[in-house]
Amino acid sequence: MHRTARFTAASLCLFALLALTSCAASTPPTVGQLRTSGQLAPCPATPNCVNSDTPSTDTEHAIAPLAYSGDAGAAQVRLRQVIEALPRTKIVTDEGNYLHAEFTSQVFRFVDDVEFIVDDATNTIHFRSASRVGSSDMGVNRKRMEDIRAKFQAAP
């Protein structure tokens, strides 16, 4: 077999394996399970998660929460509008001060779970964004959350 044909066949097999793996992954049991303190579940040891409830000393996972002024309900509506405007996004749960959305990657169809908690007492929205499968996400979760932050702050 020609070397290029072997490479192409191997690439196709890897692509198929990744596609099947991403489709088979189900929502992790930590999603929707708030700790008794009201915080979101901590990130796993892998670098494919960011969490605004993580101490700043954990530079791999820590990220600042979203800040808002005014009414918590209005902030949650604005957040939902920002999320719904993003491609390949599905709102799974929007109850009380909690929102869970799924973001699906374009090529491999990997799903990332993103959870938000609107904290009216501190005028912040805490969040956790984590990949369902794999170890590294090449910074996708952090970039997505910074993009959401920019869109949230720019929204009327």
Protein backbone atom coordinates (compact mmCIF):
# COMPACT_ATOMS: atom_id res chain seq x y z
CA MET A 1 0.00 0.00 0.00
CA HIS A 2 1.30 3.45 -0.85
CA ARG A 3 2.45 5.53 2.12
CA THR A 4 -0.12 8.31 1.42
CA ALA A 5 -2.94 5.76 1.21
CA ARG A 6 -1.92 4.28 4.59
CA PHE A 7 -1.88 7.77 6.12
CA THR A 8 -5.29 8.58 4.65
CA ALA A 9 -6.77 5.28 5.87
CA ALA A 10 -5.33 5.83 9.34
CA SER A 11 -6.67 9.38 9.38
CA LEU A 12 -10.13 8.19 8.37
CA CYS A 13 -10.12 5.54 11.09
CA LEU A 14 -9.06 8.09 13.70
CA PHE A 15 -11.74 10.51 12.52
CA ALA A 16 -14.41 7.77 12.72
CA LEU A 17 -13.27 6.75 16.20
CA LEU A 18 -13.36 10.34 17.44
CA ALA A 19 -16.78 10.92 15.89
CA LEU A 20 -18.21 7.79 17.48
CA THR A 21 -16.68 8.61 20.85
CA SER A 22 -18.08 12.13 20.85
CA CYS A 23 -21.57 10.92 19.93
CA ALA A 24 -21.55 8.24 22.62
CA ALA A 25 -20.60 10.50 25.52
CA SER A 26 -23.48 11.26 27.84
CA THR A 27 -23.96 14.13 30.26
CA PRO A 28 -21.57 13.64 33.20
CA PRO A 29 -23.22 13.03 36.59
CA THR A 30 -21.63 16.20 38.01
CA VAL A 31 -23.66 18.42 35.66
CA GLY A 32 -26.60 19.89 37.53
CA GLN A 33 -25.27 18.70 40.88
CA LEU A 34 -24.50 21.76 42.95
CA ARG A 35 -22.39 21.31 46.02
CA THR A 36 -24.00 22.09 49.37
CA SER A 37 -22.32 25.51 49.24
CA GLY A 38 -24.26 26.27 46.03
CA GLN A 39 -21.09 26.06 43.96
CA LEU A 40 -20.66 24.14 40.74
CA ALA A 41 -18.70 20.89 40.73
CA PRO A 42 -14.93 21.31 40.61
CA CYS A 43 -13.01 20.71 37.39
CA PRO A 44 -11.34 17.33 36.90
CA ALA A 45 -7.54 17.14 36.87
CA THR A 46 -7.54 17.36 33.07
CA PRO A 47 -6.95 20.74 31.35
CA ASN A 48 -10.26 20.71 29.42
CA CYS A 49 -12.33 22.64 31.96
CA VAL A 50 -12.60 26.15 33.38
CA ASN A 51 -14.55 27.09 36.50
CA SER A 52 -15.13 30.48 38.10
CA ASP A 53 -15.56 28.80 41.51
CA THR A 54 -11.97 27.51 41.33
CA PRO A 55 -9.36 29.27 43.50
CA SER A 56 -7.15 31.63 41.48
CA THR A 57 -4.08 29.62 42.49
CA ASP A 58 -5.28 26.90 40.07
CA THR A 59 -4.31 28.85 36.96
CA GLU A 60 -5.17 25.94 34.64
CA HIS A 61 -8.87 25.94 35.61
CA ALA A 62 -9.61 29.28 37.30
CA ILE A 63 -11.41 32.03 35.41
CA ALA A 64 -13.22 35.16 36.59
CA PRO A 65 -17.03 35.02 36.84
CA LEU A 66 -19.24 37.26 34.73
CA ALA A 67 -20.18 40.52 36.45
CA TYR A 68 -23.47 42.33 35.96
CA SER A 69 -25.35 45.26 37.43
CA GLY A 70 -29.05 45.58 38.01
CA ASP A 71 -31.63 42.83 38.14
CA ALA A 72 -30.51 39.18 38.29
CA GLY A 73 -33.46 38.07 36.15
CA ALA A 74 -32.56 40.55 33.42
CA ALA A 75 -28.93 39.38 33.56
CA GLN A 76 -30.03 35.76 33.12
CA VAL A 77 -32.24 36.69 30.15
CA ARG A 78 -29.33 38.57 28.56
CA LEU A 79 -27.03 35.58 29.18
CA ARG A 80 -29.53 33.22 27.56
CA GLN A 81 -29.80 35.50 24.52
CA VAL A 82 -26.01 35.55 24.15
CA ILE A 83 -25.82 31.75 24.37
CA GLU A 84 -28.70 31.16 21.94
CA ALA A 85 -27.01 33.39 19.36
CA LEU A 86 -23.93 31.14 19.30
CA PRO A 87 -23.73 28.31 16.74
CA ARG A 88 -24.32 24.64 17.64
CA THR A 89 -25.73 25.50 21.06
CA LYS A 90 -28.59 23.88 22.94
CA ILE A 91 -30.08 25.15 26.22
CA VAL A 92 -30.78 22.03 28.26
CA THR A 93 -31.96 23.53 31.55
CA ASP A 94 -33.03 27.04 32.55
CA GLU A 95 -34.56 26.87 36.03
CA GLY A 96 -34.36 29.42 38.81
CA ASN A 97 -30.85 30.87 38.87
CA TYR A 98 -29.32 27.85 37.03
CA LEU A 99 -28.69 27.42 33.30
CA HIS A 100 -27.07 24.46 31.51
CA ALA A 101 -26.13 24.59 27.84
CA GLU A 102 -24.44 22.15 25.48
CA PHE A 103 -21.96 23.38 22.86
CA THR A 104 -21.10 21.03 20.00
CA SER A 105 -17.90 21.38 17.99
CA GLN A 106 -18.29 21.72 14.25
CA VAL A 107 -15.93 19.04 12.96
CA PHE A 108 -15.75 16.20 15.47
CA ARG A 109 -19.12 16.91 17.16
CA PHE A 110 -17.59 16.95 20.66
CA VAL A 111 -19.99 18.23 23.31
CA ASP A 112 -18.98 20.61 26.07
CA ASP A 113 -21.28 21.18 29.05
CA VAL A 114 -21.48 24.75 30.31
CA GLU A 115 -23.30 25.56 33.55
CA PHE A 116 -24.14 28.99 34.94
CA ILE A 117 -25.38 30.13 38.35
CA VAL A 118 -26.64 33.68 38.74
CA ASP A 119 -25.66 34.97 42.18
CA ASP A 120 -27.89 37.95 42.99
CA ALA A 121 -26.08 38.64 46.28
CA THR A 122 -22.76 39.37 44.53
CA ASN A 123 -24.03 40.42 41.07
CA THR A 124 -21.96 37.69 39.46
CA ILE A 125 -22.65 34.73 37.23
CA HIS A 126 -20.45 31.77 38.08
CA PHE A 127 -19.86 29.16 35.42
CA ARG A 128 -18.19 25.86 34.66
CA SER A 129 -17.33 24.84 31.10
CA ALA A 130 -16.02 21.30 30.57
CA SER A 131 -15.45 18.87 27.73
CA ARG A 132 -17.22 15.52 28.04
CA VAL A 133 -14.42 13.48 26.48
CA GLY A 134 -10.69 13.69 26.06
CA SER A 135 -8.03 15.38 28.05
CA SER A 136 -7.00 18.55 26.26
CA ASP A 137 -9.40 20.93 24.55
CA MET A 138 -6.61 23.22 23.24
CA GLY A 139 -8.09 26.12 25.23
CA VAL A 140 -11.54 25.96 23.61
CA ASN A 141 -13.53 26.18 26.87
CA ARG A 142 -11.58 29.20 28.13
CA LYS A 143 -11.83 30.96 24.75
CA ARG A 144 -15.58 30.27 24.56
CA MET A 145 -16.18 31.69 28.02
CA GLU A 146 -14.14 34.82 27.27
CA ASP A 147 -16.17 35.21 24.06
CA ILE A 148 -19.40 34.86 26.05
CA ARG A 149 -18.06 37.41 28.56
CA ALA A 150 -17.36 39.95 25.79
CA LYS A 151 -20.76 39.41 24.15
CA PHE A 152 -22.54 39.56 27.55
CA GLN A 153 -20.85 42.85 28.46
CA ALA A 154 -21.62 44.34 25.03
CA ALA A 155 -25.28 43.24 25.05
CA PRO A 156 -27.91 45.88 25.85
